[in-house]
Amino acid sequence: MADIQVERTAEPQYEDATLMEIVLWIIGILMIPLVPIVMVALLTPHTGM
């Protein structure tokens, strides 16, 4: 027989992200395509053979 008086635990509460965390997330997401582009631009030899 099922117990009728079952206490439910509260859902876990998440903290709101601060402005600094949001800025870091945006920078991190933008760096994904930018790092290879910058590496190719900076590490490619500019003098011809």
Protein backbone atom coordinates (compact mmCIF):
# COMPACT_ATOMS: atom_id res chain seq x y z
CA MET A 1 0.00 0.00 0.00
CA ALA A 2 1.35 3.40 -0.94
CA ASP A 3 2.17 5.96 1.70
CA ILE A 4 -0.14 8.95 1.30
CA GLN A 5 1.85 11.49 3.31
CA VAL A 6 5.04 11.72 1.30
CA GLU A 7 7.11 14.88 1.64
CA ARG A 8 8.37 16.29 -1.61
CA THR A 9 11.78 17.84 -1.68
CA ALA A 10 12.06 21.27 -3.25
CA GLU A 11 13.52 21.57 -6.72
CA PRO A 12 17.18 22.61 -6.68
CA GLN A 13 17.47 26.35 -6.94
CA TYR A 14 20.01 27.75 -9.36
CA GLU A 15 21.81 31.02 -8.85
CA ASP A 16 21.43 33.70 -11.47
CA ALA A 17 24.55 34.32 -13.50
CA THR A 18 26.42 37.52 -12.82
CA LEU A 19 27.25 39.98 -15.59
CA MET A 20 30.91 38.90 -15.46
CA GLU A 21 29.96 35.25 -16.00
CA ILE A 22 27.80 36.17 -18.99
CA VAL A 23 30.64 38.21 -20.50
CA LEU A 24 33.07 35.32 -20.01
CA TRP A 25 30.60 32.90 -21.65
CA ILE A 26 30.23 35.20 -24.67
CA ILE A 27 34.01 35.61 -24.99
CA GLY A 28 34.50 31.87 -24.72
CA ILE A 29 31.91 31.14 -27.39
CA LEU A 30 33.38 33.74 -29.74
CA MET A 31 36.89 32.36 -29.24
CA ILE A 32 35.93 28.96 -30.69
CA PRO A 33 36.00 30.12 -34.34
CA LEU A 34 38.42 33.02 -33.77
CA VAL A 35 41.39 31.06 -32.39
CA PRO A 36 42.03 29.01 -35.57
CA ILE A 37 41.52 32.08 -37.77
CA VAL A 38 44.01 34.12 -35.72
CA MET A 39 46.50 31.23 -35.66
CA VAL A 40 46.42 30.90 -39.44
CA ALA A 41 46.71 34.66 -39.89
CA LEU A 42 49.65 35.01 -37.50
CA LEU A 43 51.53 31.78 -38.16
CA THR A 44 51.37 31.77 -41.97
CA PRO A 45 54.63 33.01 -43.46
CA HIS A 46 54.13 36.32 -45.21
CA THR A 47 57.19 36.08 -47.43
CA GLY A 48 57.02 34.16 -50.66
CA MET A 49 59.54 31.58 -51.83
